Amino acid sequence: MNINKKLSHLEFINREYNISHLSYEREMAFFDSIRDGKPDEAKRLFKPLDCEQMGRLSSDNLRNLKYHLIISVALITRYCIEGGMEMETAYNLSDIYINSIDKCLTEEEVKLLHREVVDDYAQRMQLIHKNNIYPKPVILCLDYIYNNLHTKITLDKLAEVSHMSPTYISRLFHKEVGVTVSDYITRKRIEAAKNMLRYSEHTSIEITECLCFSSESHFIQVFKKHTGCTPKTYREKYFRTRKNREM
């Protein structure tokens, strides 16, 4: 059966049994409430994953719930990025929750996790809105920095991305974020280096090259300044501990 025949068959079955999906407007209102940081509104619009209007993605009940929740997490993540959540934070949360979904053994676990996801993202967005969202030019810079830690990032490029002059975006960034552009880039590169030391086998030289530090000695110096230890010591403390726990 090709995809068009499958589609026609499903539409016929849905008509026969009066089955309809959740309205687009209702679904978007739900995601909007999370993006806008309105936990109470999100709870009001919340629909269980096993209601008829959610559709059927698998004949296995547990797998069906997991698929729906993974899709929900992916959509919520992107709505929250649009609403002002830092991209790195949003995607890291998504990874954590999708891994948790994968480990669920019962339908009840998935349902409880669904509520936790909605509450967590909505409350985080509420805090972001209370603390004010960064102006759009700054958000564009933050996203560009996060996506380009492996390349040389210049103020001129950030000015181009944000459609502002270098002088203006430099001052605006410092005012809104609280640190200079250069300090912020360094901080993000150190965060990336920490993850690489913990979760990969990349050498110090490879990390130096990947994250655009001028030299290995410079990377070690900056890393120690920000973390209080050398990359080697950091890896020994965290990477080996993690490996031992998994053995």
C-alpha atoms as a PDB file:
ATOM      1  CA  MET A   1       0.000   0.000   0.000  1.00  0.00           C
ATOM      2  CA  ASN A   2       1.529   3.341  -1.049  1.00  0.00           C
ATOM      3  CA  ILE A   3       1.346   6.484   1.042  1.00  0.00           C
ATOM      4  CA  ASN A   4      -1.632   7.961  -0.867  1.00  0.00           C
ATOM      5  CA  LYS A   5      -3.675   4.801  -0.387  1.00  0.00           C
ATOM      6  CA  LYS A   6      -2.762   4.756   3.305  1.00  0.00           C
ATOM      7  CA  LEU A   7      -3.842   8.390   3.612  1.00  0.00           C
ATOM      8  CA  SER A   8      -7.168   7.738   1.886  1.00  0.00           C
ATOM      9  CA  HIS A   9      -7.803   4.682   4.045  1.00  0.00           C
ATOM     10  CA  LEU A  10      -7.064   6.582   7.265  1.00  0.00           C
ATOM     11  CA  GLU A  11      -9.302   9.471   6.241  1.00  0.00           C
ATOM     12  CA  PHE A  12     -12.107   6.985   5.518  1.00  0.00           C
ATOM     13  CA  ILE A  13     -11.704   5.299   8.927  1.00  0.00           C
ATOM     14  CA  ASN A  14     -11.667   8.655  10.724  1.00  0.00           C
ATOM     15  CA  ARG A  15     -14.847   9.759   8.961  1.00  0.00           C
ATOM     16  CA  GLU A  16     -16.599   6.465   9.686  1.00  0.00           C
ATOM     17  CA  TYR A  17     -15.806   6.577  13.394  1.00  0.00           C
ATOM     18  CA  ASN A  18     -16.051  10.361  13.728  1.00  0.00           C
ATOM     19  CA  ILE A  19     -12.413  10.681  14.781  1.00  0.00           C
ATOM     20  CA  SER A  20     -10.774  14.099  14.462  1.00  0.00           C
ATOM     21  CA  HIS A  21      -7.439  15.537  15.495  1.00  0.00           C
ATOM     22  CA  LEU A  22      -6.989  18.363  17.952  1.00  0.00           C
ATOM     23  CA  SER A  23      -7.719  21.644  16.171  1.00  0.00           C
ATOM     24  CA  TYR A  24      -4.688  23.524  14.889  1.00  0.00           C
ATOM     25  CA  GLU A  25      -5.765  26.665  16.736  1.00  0.00           C
ATOM     26  CA  ARG A  26      -6.108  24.819  20.059  1.00  0.00           C
ATOM     27  CA  GLU A  27      -2.712  23.147  19.607  1.00  0.00           C
ATOM     28  CA  MET A  28      -0.981  26.433  18.764  1.00  0.00           C
ATOM     29  CA  ALA A  29      -2.648  28.162  21.725  1.00  0.00           C
ATOM     30  CA  PHE A  30      -1.187  25.482  23.996  1.00  0.00           C
ATOM     31  CA  PHE A  31       2.338  25.949  22.664  1.00  0.00           C
ATOM     32  CA  ASP A  32       1.921  29.740  22.757  1.00  0.00           C
ATOM     33  CA  SER A  33       1.014  29.577  26.452  1.00  0.00           C
ATOM     34  CA  ILE A  34       4.276  27.767  27.208  1.00  0.00           C
ATOM     35  CA  ARG A  35       6.329  30.152  25.081  1.00  0.00           C
ATOM     36  CA  ASP A  36       4.693  33.142  26.772  1.00  0.00           C
ATOM     37  CA  GLY A  37       5.457  31.772  30.246  1.00  0.00           C
ATOM     38  CA  LYS A  38       1.870  31.159  31.367  1.00  0.00           C
ATOM     39  CA  PRO A  39       1.841  27.899  33.390  1.00  0.00           C
ATOM     40  CA  ASP A  40      -1.814  28.230  34.424  1.00  0.00           C
ATOM     41  CA  GLU A  41      -2.919  28.741  30.831  1.00  0.00           C
ATOM     42  CA  ALA A  42      -0.777  25.782  29.735  1.00  0.00           C
ATOM     43  CA  LYS A  43      -2.470  23.590  32.359  1.00  0.00           C
ATOM     44  CA  ARG A  44      -5.905  24.704  31.153  1.00  0.00           C
ATOM     45  CA  LEU A  45      -5.069  23.845  27.537  1.00  0.00           C
ATOM     46  CA  PHE A  46      -3.225  20.641  28.435  1.00  0.00           C
ATOM     47  CA  LYS A  47      -4.479  17.507  26.677  1.00  0.00           C
ATOM     48  CA  PRO A  48      -3.452  13.945  27.647  1.00  0.00           C
ATOM     49  CA  LEU A  49      -1.337  12.174  25.058  1.00  0.00           C
ATOM     50  CA  ASP A  50      -3.753   9.240  24.846  1.00  0.00           C
ATOM     51  CA  CYS A  51      -6.880  11.243  24.049  1.00  0.00           C
ATOM     52  CA  GLU A  52      -8.519  10.356  20.695  1.00  0.00           C
ATOM     53  CA  GLN A  53      -7.793  13.782  19.219  1.00  0.00           C
ATOM     54  CA  MET A  54      -4.046  13.227  19.452  1.00  0.00           C
ATOM     55  CA  GLY A  55      -4.093  10.584  16.731  1.00  0.00           C
ATOM     56  CA  ARG A  56      -2.460   7.171  16.707  1.00  0.00           C
ATOM     57  CA  LEU A  57       1.255   6.811  15.921  1.00  0.00           C
ATOM     58  CA  SER A  58       1.721   3.182  16.984  1.00  0.00           C
ATOM     59  CA  SER A  59      -0.444   0.160  17.740  1.00  0.00           C
ATOM     60  CA  ASP A  60       1.596  -0.263  20.923  1.00  0.00           C
ATOM     61  CA  ASN A  61       0.137   2.020  23.612  1.00  0.00           C
ATOM     62  CA  LEU A  62       3.433   2.789  25.360  1.00  0.00           C
ATOM     63  CA  ARG A  63       5.259   3.474  22.103  1.00  0.00           C
ATOM     64  CA  ASN A  64       2.393   5.677  20.913  1.00  0.00           C
ATOM     65  CA  LEU A  65       2.675   7.860  24.035  1.00  0.00           C
ATOM     66  CA  LYS A  66       6.457   8.066  23.716  1.00  0.00           C
ATOM     67  CA  TYR A  67       6.252   9.187  20.074  1.00  0.00           C
ATOM     68  CA  HIS A  68       3.708  11.887  20.931  1.00  0.00           C
ATOM     69  CA  LEU A  69       5.763  13.175  23.846  1.00  0.00           C
ATOM     70  CA  ILE A  70       8.981  13.301  21.809  1.00  0.00           C
ATOM     71  CA  ILE A  71       7.175  15.366  19.162  1.00  0.00           C
ATOM     72  CA  SER A  72       5.764  17.644  21.882  1.00  0.00           C
ATOM     73  CA  VAL A  73       9.206  18.184  23.419  1.00  0.00           C
ATOM     74  CA  ALA A  74      10.654  19.068  20.002  1.00  0.00           C
ATOM     75  CA  LEU A  75       7.908  21.616  19.318  1.00  0.00           C
ATOM     76  CA  ILE A  76       7.978  23.113  22.820  1.00  0.00           C
ATOM     77  CA  THR A  77      11.755  23.498  22.583  1.00  0.00           C
ATOM     78  CA  ARG A  78      11.514  25.493  19.377  1.00  0.00           C
ATOM     79  CA  TYR A  79       8.659  27.641  20.676  1.00  0.00           C
ATOM     80  CA  CYS A  80      10.707  28.479  23.778  1.00  0.00           C
ATOM     81  CA  ILE A  81      13.770  29.420  21.711  1.00  0.00           C
ATOM     82  CA  GLU A  82      11.512  31.726  19.711  1.00  0.00           C
ATOM     83  CA  GLY A  83      10.237  33.151  23.008  1.00  0.00           C
ATOM     84  CA  GLY A  84      13.711  34.029  24.288  1.00  0.00           C
ATOM     85  CA  MET A  85      15.133  30.907  25.937  1.00  0.00           C
ATOM     86  CA  GLU A  86      18.828  30.506  25.199  1.00  0.00           C
ATOM     87  CA  MET A  87      19.227  27.953  22.435  1.00  0.00           C
ATOM     88  CA  GLU A  88      21.799  25.872  24.303  1.00  0.00           C
ATOM     89  CA  THR A  89      19.578  25.637  27.384  1.00  0.00           C
ATOM     90  CA  ALA A  90      16.507  24.718  25.351  1.00  0.00           C
ATOM     91  CA  TYR A  91      18.241  21.967  23.370  1.00  0.00           C
ATOM     92  CA  ASN A  92      19.975  20.570  26.453  1.00  0.00           C
ATOM     93  CA  LEU A  93      16.590  20.344  28.216  1.00  0.00           C
ATOM     94  CA  SER A  94      15.197  18.629  25.135  1.00  0.00           C
ATOM     95  CA  ASP A  95      18.016  16.052  25.166  1.00  0.00           C
ATOM     96  CA  ILE A  96      17.474  15.368  28.867  1.00  0.00           C
ATOM     97  CA  TYR A  97      13.723  14.872  28.499  1.00  0.00           C
ATOM     98  CA  ILE A  98      13.925  12.743  25.340  1.00  0.00           C
ATOM     99  CA  ASN A  99      16.442  10.475  27.061  1.00  0.00           C
ATOM    100  CA  SER A 100      14.031  10.244  30.010  1.00  0.00           C
ATOM    101  CA  ILE A 101      11.183   9.365  27.644  1.00  0.00           C
ATOM    102  CA  ASP A 102      13.283   6.599  26.143  1.00  0.00           C
ATOM    103  CA  LYS A 103      13.777   5.076  29.598  1.00  0.00           C
ATOM    104  CA  CYS A 104      10.078   5.075  30.559  1.00  0.00           C
ATOM    105  CA  LEU A 105       8.777   1.554  31.123  1.00  0.00           C
ATOM    106  CA  THR A 106       5.086   2.280  31.716  1.00  0.00           C
ATOM    107  CA  GLU A 107       2.381   4.489  30.240  1.00  0.00           C
ATOM    108  CA  GLU A 108       1.953   6.211  33.606  1.00  0.00           C
ATOM    109  CA  GLU A 109       5.618   7.237  33.625  1.00  0.00           C
ATOM    110  CA  VAL A 110       5.213   8.884  30.211  1.00  0.00           C
ATOM    111  CA  LYS A 111       2.067  10.715  31.309  1.00  0.00           C
ATOM    112  CA  LEU A 112       3.726  12.049  34.451  1.00  0.00           C
ATOM    113  CA  LEU A 113       6.763  13.114  32.425  1.00  0.00           C
ATOM    114  CA  HIS A 114       4.476  14.911  29.972  1.00  0.00           C
ATOM    115  CA  ARG A 115       3.130  17.122  32.768  1.00  0.00           C
ATOM    116  CA  GLU A 116       6.634  17.703  34.097  1.00  0.00           C
ATOM    117  CA  VAL A 117       7.870  18.838  30.676  1.00  0.00           C
ATOM    118  CA  VAL A 118       5.017  21.311  30.251  1.00  0.00           C
ATOM    119  CA  ASP A 119       5.358  22.726  33.781  1.00  0.00           C
ATOM    120  CA  ASP A 120       9.150  22.972  33.571  1.00  0.00           C
ATOM    121  CA  TYR A 121       9.317  24.796  30.241  1.00  0.00           C
ATOM    122  CA  ALA A 122       6.375  27.089  31.099  1.00  0.00           C
ATOM    123  CA  GLN A 123       7.883  28.061  34.453  1.00  0.00           C
ATOM    124  CA  ARG A 124      11.299  28.649  32.918  1.00  0.00           C
ATOM    125  CA  MET A 125       9.732  30.885  30.288  1.00  0.00           C
ATOM    126  CA  GLN A 126       7.814  32.738  33.008  1.00  0.00           C
ATOM    127  CA  LEU A 127      11.115  33.571  34.712  1.00  0.00           C
ATOM    128  CA  ILE A 128      12.657  34.662  31.421  1.00  0.00           C
ATOM    129  CA  HIS A 129       9.764  37.025  30.761  1.00  0.00           C
ATOM    130  CA  LYS A 130       9.953  38.410  34.298  1.00  0.00           C
ATOM    131  CA  ASN A 131      13.638  39.133  33.803  1.00  0.00           C
ATOM    132  CA  ASN A 132      12.895  40.655  30.378  1.00  0.00           C
ATOM    133  CA  ILE A 133      13.841  39.113  27.067  1.00  0.00           C
ATOM    134  CA  TYR A 134      17.003  40.333  25.380  1.00  0.00           C
ATOM    135  CA  PRO A 135      16.442  42.700  22.459  1.00  0.00           C
ATOM    136  CA  LYS A 136      16.285  40.928  19.105  1.00  0.00           C
ATOM    137  CA  PRO A 137      19.779  42.089  17.962  1.00  0.00           C
ATOM    138  CA  VAL A 138      21.308  40.547  21.098  1.00  0.00           C
ATOM    139  CA  ILE A 139      19.363  37.299  20.644  1.00  0.00           C
ATOM    140  CA  LEU A 140      20.651  37.092  17.053  1.00  0.00           C
ATOM    141  CA  CYS A 141      24.186  37.503  18.360  1.00  0.00           C
ATOM    142  CA  LEU A 142      23.717  34.873  21.072  1.00  0.00           C
ATOM    143  CA  ASP A 143      22.385  32.362  18.561  1.00  0.00           C
ATOM    144  CA  TYR A 144      25.198  33.086  16.109  1.00  0.00           C
ATOM    145  CA  ILE A 145      27.845  32.675  18.825  1.00  0.00           C
ATOM    146  CA  TYR A 146      26.381  29.367  19.969  1.00  0.00           C
ATOM    147  CA  ASN A 147      26.293  28.004  16.407  1.00  0.00           C
ATOM    148  CA  ASN A 148      29.788  29.183  15.499  1.00  0.00           C
ATOM    149  CA  LEU A 149      32.028  28.428  18.473  1.00  0.00           C
ATOM    150  CA  HIS A 150      34.224  26.390  16.117  1.00  0.00           C
ATOM    151  CA  THR A 151      35.019  29.404  13.924  1.00  0.00           C
ATOM    152  CA  LYS A 152      36.574  32.805  14.456  1.00  0.00           C
ATOM    153  CA  ILE A 153      33.824  35.169  15.640  1.00  0.00           C
ATOM    154  CA  THR A 154      34.388  38.862  14.994  1.00  0.00           C
ATOM    155  CA  LEU A 155      32.498  41.915  16.149  1.00  0.00           C
ATOM    156  CA  ASP A 156      32.053  42.902  12.501  1.00  0.00           C
ATOM    157  CA  LYS A 157      30.302  39.580  11.822  1.00  0.00           C
ATOM    158  CA  LEU A 158      28.003  40.042  14.826  1.00  0.00           C
ATOM    159  CA  ALA A 159      27.228  43.552  13.593  1.00  0.00           C
ATOM    160  CA  GLU A 160      26.304  42.085  10.208  1.00  0.00           C
ATOM    161  CA  VAL A 161      24.136  39.376  11.784  1.00  0.00           C
ATOM    162  CA  SER A 162      22.314  41.842  14.049  1.00  0.00           C
ATOM    163  CA  HIS A 163      22.050  44.588  11.389  1.00  0.00           C
ATOM    164  CA  MET A 164      23.727  47.065  13.737  1.00  0.00           C
ATOM    165  CA  SER A 165      27.025  48.915  13.745  1.00  0.00           C
ATOM    166  CA  PRO A 166      29.946  47.220  15.558  1.00  0.00           C
ATOM    167  CA  THR A 167      30.105  49.980  18.164  1.00  0.00           C
ATOM    168  CA  TYR A 168      26.366  49.897  18.871  1.00  0.00           C
ATOM    169  CA  ILE A 169      26.022  46.121  19.131  1.00  0.00           C
ATOM    170  CA  SER A 170      29.096  45.957  21.371  1.00  0.00           C
ATOM    171  CA  ARG A 171      27.592  48.467  23.803  1.00  0.00           C
ATOM    172  CA  LEU A 172      24.105  46.938  23.636  1.00  0.00           C
ATOM    173  CA  PHE A 173      25.440  43.416  24.206  1.00  0.00           C
ATOM    174  CA  HIS A 174      27.462  44.522  27.246  1.00  0.00           C
ATOM    175  CA  LYS A 175      24.507  46.395  28.677  1.00  0.00           C
ATOM    176  CA  GLU A 176      22.010  43.530  28.244  1.00  0.00           C
ATOM    177  CA  VAL A 177      24.166  40.462  28.925  1.00  0.00           C
ATOM    178  CA  GLY A 178      26.407  42.004  31.557  1.00  0.00           C
ATOM    179  CA  VAL A 179      29.710  40.971  29.972  1.00  0.00           C
ATOM    180  CA  THR A 180      31.617  41.974  26.865  1.00  0.00           C
ATOM    181  CA  VAL A 181      31.159  40.072  23.624  1.00  0.00           C
ATOM    182  CA  SER A 182      34.686  38.701  23.932  1.00  0.00           C
ATOM    183  CA  ASP A 183      34.166  37.477  27.509  1.00  0.00           C
ATOM    184  CA  TYR A 184      30.850  35.854  26.583  1.00  0.00           C
ATOM    185  CA  ILE A 185      32.396  33.986  23.641  1.00  0.00           C
ATOM    186  CA  THR A 186      35.215  32.748  25.859  1.00  0.00           C
ATOM    187  CA  ARG A 187      32.759  31.598  28.516  1.00  0.00           C
ATOM    188  CA  LYS A 188      30.730  29.650  25.957  1.00  0.00           C
ATOM    189  CA  ARG A 189      33.854  28.053  24.507  1.00  0.00           C
ATOM    190  CA  ILE A 190      34.921  26.936  27.972  1.00  0.00           C
ATOM    191  CA  GLU A 191      31.463  25.430  28.544  1.00  0.00           C
ATOM    192  CA  ALA A 192      31.805  23.557  25.237  1.00  0.00           C
ATOM    193  CA  ALA A 193      35.310  22.425  26.185  1.00  0.00           C
ATOM    194  CA  LYS A 194      34.022  21.072  29.497  1.00  0.00           C
ATOM    195  CA  ASN A 195      31.421  19.001  27.671  1.00  0.00           C
ATOM    196  CA  MET A 196      34.023  17.687  25.239  1.00  0.00           C
ATOM    197  CA  LEU A 197      36.311  16.705  28.106  1.00  0.00           C
ATOM    198  CA  ARG A 198      33.472  14.951  29.915  1.00  0.00           C
ATOM    199  CA  TYR A 199      31.716  13.236  27.042  1.00  0.00           C
ATOM    200  CA  SER A 200      34.298  12.682  24.306  1.00  0.00           C
ATOM    201  CA  GLU A 201      37.841  11.444  23.906  1.00  0.00           C
ATOM    202  CA  HIS A 202      39.120  14.505  22.076  1.00  0.00           C
ATOM    203  CA  THR A 203      42.616  15.519  23.103  1.00  0.00           C
ATOM    204  CA  SER A 204      43.487  18.930  24.458  1.00  0.00           C
ATOM    205  CA  ILE A 205      45.048  19.863  21.114  1.00  0.00           C
ATOM    206  CA  GLU A 206      41.934  18.760  19.205  1.00  0.00           C
ATOM    207  CA  ILE A 207      39.706  20.820  21.507  1.00  0.00           C
ATOM    208  CA  THR A 208      42.029  23.788  21.075  1.00  0.00           C
ATOM    209  CA  GLU A 209      41.668  23.604  17.299  1.00  0.00           C
ATOM    210  CA  CYS A 210      37.954  22.829  17.353  1.00  0.00           C
ATOM    211  CA  LEU A 211      37.081  25.809  19.560  1.00  0.00           C
ATOM    212  CA  CYS A 212      39.486  28.257  17.922  1.00  0.00           C
ATOM    213  CA  PHE A 213      41.863  28.921  20.814  1.00  0.00           C
ATOM    214  CA  SER A 214      45.121  30.436  19.559  1.00  0.00           C
ATOM    215  CA  SER A 215      47.256  27.640  21.034  1.00  0.00           C
ATOM    216  CA  GLU A 216      47.051  24.693  23.399  1.00  0.00           C
ATOM    217  CA  SER A 217      48.885  26.631  26.107  1.00  0.00           C
ATOM    218  CA  HIS A 218      46.393  29.488  25.736  1.00  0.00           C
ATOM    219  CA  PHE A 219      43.474  27.048  25.993  1.00  0.00           C
ATOM    220  CA  ILE A 220      44.918  25.511  29.172  1.00  0.00           C
ATOM    221  CA  GLN A 221      45.534  28.946  30.673  1.00  0.00           C
ATOM    222  CA  VAL A 222      42.009  30.205  29.932  1.00  0.00           C
ATOM    223  CA  PHE A 223      40.397  26.931  31.024  1.00  0.00           C
ATOM    224  CA  LYS A 224      42.215  27.024  34.370  1.00  0.00           C
ATOM    225  CA  LYS A 225      41.236  30.647  34.887  1.00  0.00           C
ATOM    226  CA  HIS A 226      37.542  29.813  34.447  1.00  0.00           C
ATOM    227  CA  THR A 227      37.355  26.430  36.182  1.00  0.00           C
ATOM    228  CA  GLY A 228      40.215  26.443  38.682  1.00  0.00           C
ATOM    229  CA  CYS A 229      41.851  23.369  37.157  1.00  0.00           C
ATOM    230  CA  THR A 230      43.589  22.251  33.983  1.00  0.00           C
ATOM    231  CA  PRO A 231      41.736  20.372  31.224  1.00  0.00           C
ATOM    232  CA  LYS A 232      43.638  17.210  32.182  1.00  0.00           C
ATOM    233  CA  THR A 233      42.580  17.440  35.826  1.00  0.00           C
ATOM    234  CA  TYR A 234      38.988  18.222  34.837  1.00  0.00           C
ATOM    235  CA  ARG A 235      38.800  15.150  32.607  1.00  0.00           C
ATOM    236  CA  GLU A 236      40.321  12.913  35.279  1.00  0.00           C
ATOM    237  CA  LYS A 237      37.762  14.149  37.785  1.00  0.00           C
ATOM    238  CA  TYR A 238      34.626  13.870  35.629  1.00  0.00           C
ATOM    239  CA  PHE A 239      35.203  11.683  32.581  1.00  0.00           C
ATOM    240  CA  ARG A 240      36.751   8.729  34.422  1.00  0.00           C
ATOM    241  CA  THR A 241      34.126   8.894  37.177  1.00  0.00           C
ATOM    242  CA  ARG A 242      31.377   8.787  34.588  1.00  0.00           C
ATOM    243  CA  LYS A 243      32.965   5.838  32.792  1.00  0.00           C
ATOM    244  CA  ASN A 244      33.377   3.907  36.020  1.00  0.00           C
ATOM    245  CA  ARG A 245      29.721   4.404  36.886  1.00  0.00           C
ATOM    246  CA  GLU A 246      28.709   2.998  33.503  1.00  0.00           C
ATOM    247  CA  MET A 247      30.871  -0.114  33.792  1.00  0.00           C
END
